[in-house]
Amino acid sequence: MRAINPWINFNGNTEEAFTFYKSVFGGEFTKVIRFKDLSGPDFQVAEEEENKIMYIGLSLGKNNVLIANDVPGFMGPVNENENRSKIYVSAESTEEADKIFNGLSVGGEVEGPIGDSPWGTYAGMFRDKFGIEWIVEFDPEGV
């Protein structure tokens, strides 16, 4: 398997969230497609949704891409409280773990502060300001 890449649904703030994620992770957007780019006779888009994101990818390292979209209004809102999955980030050092944790958790809610864990890793957990849950961990045994 080459990679497993998480795909996140947002309620209209994908571009804001991914601009924020890019400021923390770096990387480049692999592709940005807006709903208006797909609009045509077979797929009509409401005017208020034309500029919403249908697909965005943020390249994170060699084979990893974080992917997202805005959920169109006709599909109903995304309920962040129902999303019980987390995005796991495996850092290459404690410094990188701190940078990612401290960057992404700004404006969010820390569920477990980053630090030494009982199982021998350096880890922390939080929900970012967009309602996405993250675990950031550095495992010195895995280096």
Foldseek 3Di string as FASTA:
>chain_A
DLDDEEEEEAAQCPVVLVVLLCVQQPADKPDWDFLLNVDDPVRHDDPVRRRWTPWIWGDHPDRYIHMYGYDDPVVPHDDLVVDPDAAEAEDADVVSLCSNCVSQAVCWAWPADFQADPVGKTKTWTQGNRSHIYIYIYHPVVD
